[in-house]
């Protein structure tokens, strides 16, 4: 049988973190981690922007763009 090593993801993380601390210093790593933790989550795009005017009307939303008036639509 073949033995395959299956290292733990936690060990990989610890090794990577130790390498980063050695390269940049503990203080710098802590500052970056705190900044990333406090950064607001990215806003999700508005799902209604991709709907056609017909679907927007079905769910009770106004059309994206008002209907354009053509010269043949105007009363005489």
C-alpha atoms as a PDB file:
ATOM      1  CA  UNK A   1       0.000   0.000   0.000  1.00  0.00           C
ATOM      2  CA  UNK A   2       1.104   3.545  -0.623  1.00  0.00           C
ATOM      3  CA  UNK A   3       1.258   5.898   2.293  1.00  0.00           C
ATOM      4  CA  UNK A   4       0.233   9.431   1.440  1.00  0.00           C
ATOM      5  CA  UNK A   5       0.950  12.245   3.802  1.00  0.00           C
ATOM      6  CA  UNK A   6      -2.076  14.344   4.569  1.00  0.00           C
ATOM      7  CA  UNK A   7      -0.838  17.391   6.465  1.00  0.00           C
ATOM      8  CA  UNK A   8      -3.337  19.208   8.571  1.00  0.00           C
ATOM      9  CA  UNK A   9      -4.558  22.581   7.235  1.00  0.00           C
ATOM     10  CA  UNK A  10      -3.872  23.984  10.699  1.00  0.00           C
ATOM     11  CA  UNK A  11      -0.200  23.040  10.414  1.00  0.00           C
ATOM     12  CA  UNK A  12       0.010  24.704   6.996  1.00  0.00           C
ATOM     13  CA  UNK A  13      -1.559  27.840   8.438  1.00  0.00           C
ATOM     14  CA  UNK A  14       0.843  27.865  11.376  1.00  0.00           C
ATOM     15  CA  UNK A  15       3.837  27.471   9.068  1.00  0.00           C
ATOM     16  CA  UNK A  16       2.631  30.255   6.764  1.00  0.00           C
ATOM     17  CA  UNK A  17       1.925  32.549   9.718  1.00  0.00           C
ATOM     18  CA  UNK A  18       5.352  31.835  11.214  1.00  0.00           C
ATOM     19  CA  UNK A  19       6.976  32.659   7.867  1.00  0.00           C
ATOM     20  CA  UNK A  20       5.036  35.942   7.573  1.00  0.00           C
ATOM     21  CA  UNK A  21       5.911  36.937  11.135  1.00  0.00           C
ATOM     22  CA  UNK A  22       9.557  36.198  10.471  1.00  0.00           C
ATOM     23  CA  UNK A  23       9.492  38.208   7.239  1.00  0.00           C
ATOM     24  CA  UNK A  24       7.432  41.256   8.336  1.00  0.00           C
ATOM     25  CA  UNK A  25       7.395  41.210  12.127  1.00  0.00           C
ATOM     26  CA  UNK A  26       4.659  40.451  14.632  1.00  0.00           C
ATOM     27  CA  UNK A  27       3.545  44.068  15.046  1.00  0.00           C
ATOM     28  CA  UNK A  28       2.984  44.567  11.314  1.00  0.00           C
ATOM     29  CA  UNK A  29       1.054  41.283  10.988  1.00  0.00           C
ATOM     30  CA  UNK A  30      -1.215  42.174  13.933  1.00  0.00           C
ATOM     31  CA  UNK A  31      -1.929  45.619  12.452  1.00  0.00           C
ATOM     32  CA  UNK A  32      -2.862  44.117   9.094  1.00  0.00           C
ATOM     33  CA  UNK A  33      -5.067  41.453  10.703  1.00  0.00           C
ATOM     34  CA  UNK A  34      -6.929  44.058  12.774  1.00  0.00           C
ATOM     35  CA  UNK A  35      -7.434  46.296   9.715  1.00  0.00           C
ATOM     36  CA  UNK A  36      -8.825  43.376   7.713  1.00  0.00           C
ATOM     37  CA  UNK A  37     -11.110  42.324  10.560  1.00  0.00           C
ATOM     38  CA  UNK A  38     -12.548  45.841  10.898  1.00  0.00           C
ATOM     39  CA  UNK A  39     -12.968  46.434   7.157  1.00  0.00           C
ATOM     40  CA  UNK A  40     -16.643  46.546   6.182  1.00  0.00           C
ATOM     41  CA  UNK A  41     -17.907  43.725   4.011  1.00  0.00           C
ATOM     42  CA  UNK A  42     -18.278  44.565   0.318  1.00  0.00           C
ATOM     43  CA  UNK A  43     -21.766  45.596  -0.673  1.00  0.00           C
ATOM     44  CA  UNK A  44     -23.712  43.157  -2.742  1.00  0.00           C
ATOM     45  CA  UNK A  45     -24.948  44.509  -6.060  1.00  0.00           C
ATOM     46  CA  UNK A  46     -28.598  45.475  -6.232  1.00  0.00           C
ATOM     47  CA  UNK A  47     -30.409  42.460  -7.684  1.00  0.00           C
ATOM     48  CA  UNK A  48     -33.171  44.631  -9.134  1.00  0.00           C
ATOM     49  CA  UNK A  49     -30.741  46.294 -11.556  1.00  0.00           C
ATOM     50  CA  UNK A  50     -30.575  43.189 -13.740  1.00  0.00           C
ATOM     51  CA  UNK A  51     -34.346  42.746 -14.032  1.00  0.00           C
ATOM     52  CA  UNK A  52     -36.129  43.738 -17.208  1.00  0.00           C
ATOM     53  CA  UNK A  53     -38.844  46.378 -16.977  1.00  0.00           C
ATOM     54  CA  UNK A  54     -41.470  43.660 -17.407  1.00  0.00           C
ATOM     55  CA  UNK A  55     -40.193  41.701 -14.380  1.00  0.00           C
ATOM     56  CA  UNK A  56     -39.811  44.913 -12.393  1.00  0.00           C
ATOM     57  CA  UNK A  57     -43.467  45.647 -13.075  1.00  0.00           C
ATOM     58  CA  UNK A  58     -44.425  42.106 -11.956  1.00  0.00           C
ATOM     59  CA  UNK A  59     -42.845  42.648  -8.525  1.00  0.00           C
ATOM     60  CA  UNK A  60     -44.226  46.168  -8.159  1.00  0.00           C
ATOM     61  CA  UNK A  61     -41.149  48.224  -9.038  1.00  0.00           C
ATOM     62  CA  UNK A  62     -41.149  51.199 -11.398  1.00  0.00           C
ATOM     63  CA  UNK A  63     -39.371  50.801 -14.746  1.00  0.00           C
ATOM     64  CA  UNK A  64     -35.665  51.626 -14.898  1.00  0.00           C
ATOM     65  CA  UNK A  65     -36.143  54.227 -17.544  1.00  0.00           C
ATOM     66  CA  UNK A  66     -39.364  56.070 -18.212  1.00  0.00           C
ATOM     67  CA  UNK A  67     -40.949  55.291 -21.540  1.00  0.00           C
ATOM     68  CA  UNK A  68     -39.623  57.562 -24.254  1.00  0.00           C
ATOM     69  CA  UNK A  69     -42.084  59.746 -26.100  1.00  0.00           C
ATOM     70  CA  UNK A  70     -41.955  59.373 -29.870  1.00  0.00           C
ATOM     71  CA  UNK A  71     -43.369  61.836 -32.353  1.00  0.00           C
ATOM     72  CA  UNK A  72     -46.008  59.304 -33.380  1.00  0.00           C
ATOM     73  CA  UNK A  73     -47.196  58.929 -29.767  1.00  0.00           C
ATOM     74  CA  UNK A  74     -48.077  62.596 -29.391  1.00  0.00           C
ATOM     75  CA  UNK A  75     -51.691  63.622 -29.959  1.00  0.00           C
ATOM     76  CA  UNK A  76     -52.396  66.008 -32.839  1.00  0.00           C
END
